[in-house]
Amino acid sequence: MDNSFELPIHYNGKQYSFSGSLITYGYSYKIAMDIFDTLINFEPDEEGSYRALIYPEEIKDNPAITKALLQQIAETLQEALS
């Protein structure tokens, strides 16, 4: 079973497509997204929204990854999975 997918994102007036995969563990899951060659995990929070799990040093060398971009990806995941 292939758990890979492409997530189209409209951000800052441009269209992007990021690769993702669903990773299940126990009774939960996370979504691993390849964002500009950086692997970032998203998981559902207590309210059912998605949050990015990252360390600042993981993205400091990649200025294309911004908080606003991560928010847009989380919102798009929420819309796609509800």
N, C-alpha and C. Protein backbone atom coordinates (compact mmCIF):
# COMPACT_ATOMS: atom_id res chain seq x y z
N MET A 1 0.84 -1.18 0.00
CA MET A 1 0.00 0.00 0.00
C MET A 1 0.88 1.24 0.00
N ASP A 2 0.67 2.10 -0.97
CA ASP A 2 1.46 3.31 -1.10
C ASP A 2 0.76 4.45 -0.37
N ASN A 3 1.45 5.04 0.57
CA ASN A 3 0.89 6.15 1.34
C ASN A 3 1.44 7.49 0.90
N SER A 4 1.98 7.57 -0.31
CA SER A 4 2.57 8.81 -0.82
C SER A 4 1.53 9.62 -1.58
N PHE A 5 1.72 10.93 -1.57
CA PHE A 5 0.80 11.82 -2.28
C PHE A 5 1.50 13.13 -2.60
N GLU A 6 0.88 13.91 -3.46
CA GLU A 6 1.34 15.27 -3.78
C GLU A 6 0.31 16.24 -3.23
N LEU A 7 0.77 17.28 -2.56
CA LEU A 7 -0.12 18.28 -1.99
C LEU A 7 0.09 19.61 -2.72
N PRO A 8 -0.90 20.05 -3.51
CA PRO A 8 -0.77 21.35 -4.17
C PRO A 8 -1.03 22.49 -3.17
N ILE A 9 -0.18 23.49 -3.21
CA ILE A 9 -0.27 24.63 -2.30
C ILE A 9 -0.21 25.91 -3.12
N HIS A 10 -1.14 26.81 -2.85
CA HIS A 10 -1.08 28.15 -3.44
C HIS A 10 -0.59 29.08 -2.33
N TYR A 11 0.59 29.65 -2.52
CA TYR A 11 1.19 30.47 -1.49
C TYR A 11 1.95 31.64 -2.12
N ASN A 12 1.72 32.81 -1.62
CA ASN A 12 2.43 34.01 -2.06
C ASN A 12 2.32 34.23 -3.57
N GLY A 13 1.14 33.95 -4.11
CA GLY A 13 0.90 34.17 -5.52
C GLY A 13 1.49 33.11 -6.45
N LYS A 14 2.03 32.04 -5.89
CA LYS A 14 2.61 30.97 -6.70
C LYS A 14 1.99 29.63 -6.34
N GLN A 15 2.07 28.72 -7.28
CA GLN A 15 1.55 27.37 -7.07
C GLN A 15 2.73 26.42 -6.85
N TYR A 16 2.66 25.62 -5.78
CA TYR A 16 3.69 24.64 -5.46
C TYR A 16 3.03 23.28 -5.32
N SER A 17 3.85 22.24 -5.40
CA SER A 17 3.39 20.89 -5.13
C SER A 17 4.46 20.21 -4.29
N PHE A 18 4.09 19.76 -3.11
CA PHE A 18 5.03 19.13 -2.19
C PHE A 18 4.68 17.66 -2.02
N SER A 19 5.69 16.81 -1.99
CA SER A 19 5.50 15.38 -1.79
C SER A 19 5.29 15.10 -0.31
N GLY A 20 4.38 14.17 -0.04
CA GLY A 20 4.13 13.79 1.34
C GLY A 20 3.87 12.31 1.46
N SER A 21 3.95 11.81 2.68
CA SER A 21 3.59 10.42 2.93
C SER A 21 3.01 10.30 4.33
N LEU A 22 2.06 9.39 4.44
CA LEU A 22 1.39 9.13 5.71
C LEU A 22 2.18 8.08 6.47
N ILE A 23 2.51 8.37 7.72
CA ILE A 23 3.24 7.44 8.56
C ILE A 23 2.37 7.13 9.77
N THR A 24 1.98 5.88 9.91
CA THR A 24 1.15 5.48 11.05
C THR A 24 2.02 4.82 12.11
N TYR A 25 1.65 5.07 13.35
CA TYR A 25 2.32 4.42 14.47
C TYR A 25 1.31 4.31 15.60
N GLY A 26 1.13 3.10 16.11
CA GLY A 26 0.14 2.89 17.15
C GLY A 26 -1.23 3.31 16.67
N TYR A 27 -1.89 4.14 17.46
CA TYR A 27 -3.22 4.63 17.11
C TYR A 27 -3.16 6.04 16.52
N SER A 28 -1.99 6.50 16.19
CA SER A 28 -1.85 7.86 15.69
C SER A 28 -1.11 7.85 14.35
N TYR A 29 -0.85 9.02 13.83
CA TYR A 29 -0.15 9.16 12.57
C TYR A 29 0.50 10.53 12.48
N LYS A 30 1.40 10.64 11.53
CA LYS A 30 1.96 11.93 11.17
C LYS A 30 2.13 11.95 9.65
N ILE A 31 2.31 13.12 9.13
CA ILE A 31 2.47 13.29 7.69
C ILE A 31 3.84 13.91 7.46
N ALA A 32 4.68 13.19 6.74
CA ALA A 32 6.02 13.69 6.41
C ALA A 32 5.95 14.40 5.07
N MET A 33 6.36 15.65 5.04
CA MET A 33 6.32 16.45 3.82
C MET A 33 7.74 16.86 3.43
N ASP A 34 8.05 16.73 2.15
CA ASP A 34 9.32 17.19 1.60
C ASP A 34 9.10 18.62 1.10
N ILE A 35 9.61 19.58 1.86
CA ILE A 35 9.41 20.98 1.54
C ILE A 35 10.77 21.59 1.20
N PHE A 36 10.96 21.85 -0.07
CA PHE A 36 12.23 22.41 -0.56
C PHE A 36 13.43 21.61 -0.04
N ASP A 37 13.36 20.29 -0.20
CA ASP A 37 14.43 19.36 0.19
C ASP A 37 14.67 19.28 1.70
N THR A 38 13.68 19.66 2.48
CA THR A 38 13.74 19.52 3.93
C THR A 38 12.53 18.72 4.38
N LEU A 39 12.75 17.64 5.12
CA LEU A 39 11.66 16.80 5.58
C LEU A 39 11.06 17.39 6.86
N ILE A 40 9.78 17.72 6.80
CA ILE A 40 9.07 18.31 7.94
C ILE A 40 7.85 17.46 8.22
N ASN A 41 7.66 17.10 9.49
CA ASN A 41 6.52 16.28 9.89
C ASN A 41 5.38 17.17 10.39
N PHE A 42 4.17 16.77 10.04
CA PHE A 42 2.96 17.43 10.52
C PHE A 42 2.16 16.38 11.27
N GLU A 43 1.55 16.79 12.38
CA GLU A 43 0.70 15.87 13.12
C GLU A 43 -0.54 16.62 13.60
N PRO A 44 -1.62 15.87 13.82
CA PRO A 44 -2.82 16.54 14.33
C PRO A 44 -2.62 16.96 15.79
N ASP A 45 -3.16 18.13 16.12
CA ASP A 45 -3.10 18.57 17.52
C ASP A 45 -4.41 18.21 18.21
N GLU A 46 -4.57 18.66 19.44
CA GLU A 46 -5.75 18.32 20.24
C GLU A 46 -7.05 18.85 19.65
N GLU A 47 -6.97 19.89 18.85
CA GLU A 47 -8.16 20.50 18.26
C GLU A 47 -8.46 19.96 16.86
N GLY A 48 -7.63 19.04 16.37
CA GLY A 48 -7.85 18.47 15.05
C GLY A 48 -7.18 19.22 13.92
N SER A 49 -6.48 20.30 14.24
CA SER A 49 -5.70 21.03 13.24
C SER A 49 -4.33 20.36 13.13
N TYR A 50 -3.54 20.79 12.17
CA TYR A 50 -2.21 20.22 12.00
C TYR A 50 -1.14 21.21 12.42
N ARG A 51 -0.07 20.69 12.97
CA ARG A 51 1.07 21.52 13.37
C ARG A 51 2.34 20.90 12.81
N ALA A 52 3.28 21.76 12.48
CA ALA A 52 4.58 21.31 11.98
C ALA A 52 5.48 21.01 13.16
N LEU A 53 6.20 19.91 13.07
CA LEU A 53 7.17 19.53 14.09
C LEU A 53 8.56 19.74 13.51
N ILE A 54 9.19 20.83 13.93
CA ILE A 54 10.50 21.16 13.39
C ILE A 54 11.37 21.76 14.48
N TYR A 55 12.66 21.70 14.26
CA TYR A 55 13.62 22.41 15.08
C TYR A 55 14.11 23.59 14.25
N PRO A 56 14.26 24.76 14.84
CA PRO A 56 14.67 25.94 14.07
C PRO A 56 15.96 25.71 13.26
N GLU A 57 16.90 24.95 13.81
CA GLU A 57 18.15 24.73 13.08
C GLU A 57 17.95 23.90 11.81
N GLU A 58 16.84 23.15 11.73
CA GLU A 58 16.57 22.36 10.53
C GLU A 58 16.22 23.23 9.33
N ILE A 59 15.68 24.40 9.58
CA ILE A 59 15.26 25.25 8.46
C ILE A 59 16.02 26.57 8.37
N LYS A 60 16.96 26.81 9.26
CA LYS A 60 17.64 28.12 9.21
C LYS A 60 18.43 28.33 7.94
N ASP A 61 18.88 27.23 7.32
CA ASP A 61 19.63 27.35 6.07
C ASP A 61 18.72 27.37 4.84
N ASN A 62 17.43 27.34 5.05
CA ASN A 62 16.48 27.32 3.95
C ASN A 62 15.46 28.45 4.13
N PRO A 63 15.79 29.66 3.70
CA PRO A 63 14.91 30.81 3.93
C PRO A 63 13.57 30.73 3.20
N ALA A 64 13.43 29.79 2.25
CA ALA A 64 12.16 29.64 1.54
C ALA A 64 11.08 29.03 2.45
N ILE A 65 11.51 28.37 3.53
CA ILE A 65 10.55 27.77 4.47
C ILE A 65 10.26 28.80 5.55
N THR A 66 9.05 29.33 5.51
CA THR A 66 8.65 30.36 6.47
C THR A 66 7.50 29.84 7.33
N LYS A 67 7.25 30.55 8.41
CA LYS A 67 6.13 30.19 9.27
C LYS A 67 4.82 30.26 8.50
N ALA A 68 4.68 31.28 7.66
CA ALA A 68 3.45 31.44 6.86
C ALA A 68 3.27 30.27 5.89
N LEU A 69 4.36 29.80 5.28
CA LEU A 69 4.27 28.66 4.37
C LEU A 69 3.84 27.41 5.14
N LEU A 70 4.43 27.18 6.30
CA LEU A 70 4.07 26.01 7.10
C LEU A 70 2.60 26.08 7.54
N GLN A 71 2.13 27.29 7.87
CA GLN A 71 0.71 27.47 8.22
C GLN A 71 -0.18 27.14 7.04
N GLN A 72 0.21 27.57 5.84
CA GLN A 72 -0.59 27.30 4.65
C GLN A 72 -0.65 25.81 4.36
N ILE A 73 0.47 25.12 4.53
CA ILE A 73 0.49 23.67 4.33
C ILE A 73 -0.41 22.99 5.35
N ALA A 74 -0.33 23.40 6.62
CA ALA A 74 -1.16 22.81 7.67
C ALA A 74 -2.64 23.03 7.37
N GLU A 75 -3.01 24.22 6.93
CA GLU A 75 -4.41 24.51 6.60
C GLU A 75 -4.88 23.69 5.40
N THR A 76 -4.02 23.52 4.42
CA THR A 76 -4.38 22.73 3.24
C THR A 76 -4.54 21.26 3.61
N LEU A 77 -3.67 20.75 4.48
CA LEU A 77 -3.83 19.38 4.97
C LEU A 77 -5.16 19.23 5.69
N GLN A 78 -5.50 20.20 6.52
CA GLN A 78 -6.75 20.17 7.28
C GLN A 78 -7.95 20.11 6.33
N GLU A 79 -7.93 20.94 5.31
CA GLU A 79 -9.03 20.96 4.33
C GLU A 79 -9.11 19.64 3.57
N ALA A 80 -7.96 19.10 3.18
CA ALA A 80 -7.93 17.88 2.38
C ALA A 80 -8.36 16.66 3.18
N LEU A 81 -8.09 16.67 4.47
CA LEU A 81 -8.36 15.48 5.28
C LEU A 81 -9.63 15.56 6.13
N SER A 82 -10.40 16.66 5.98
CA SER A 82 -11.65 16.72 6.75
C SER A 82 -12.83 16.31 5.94
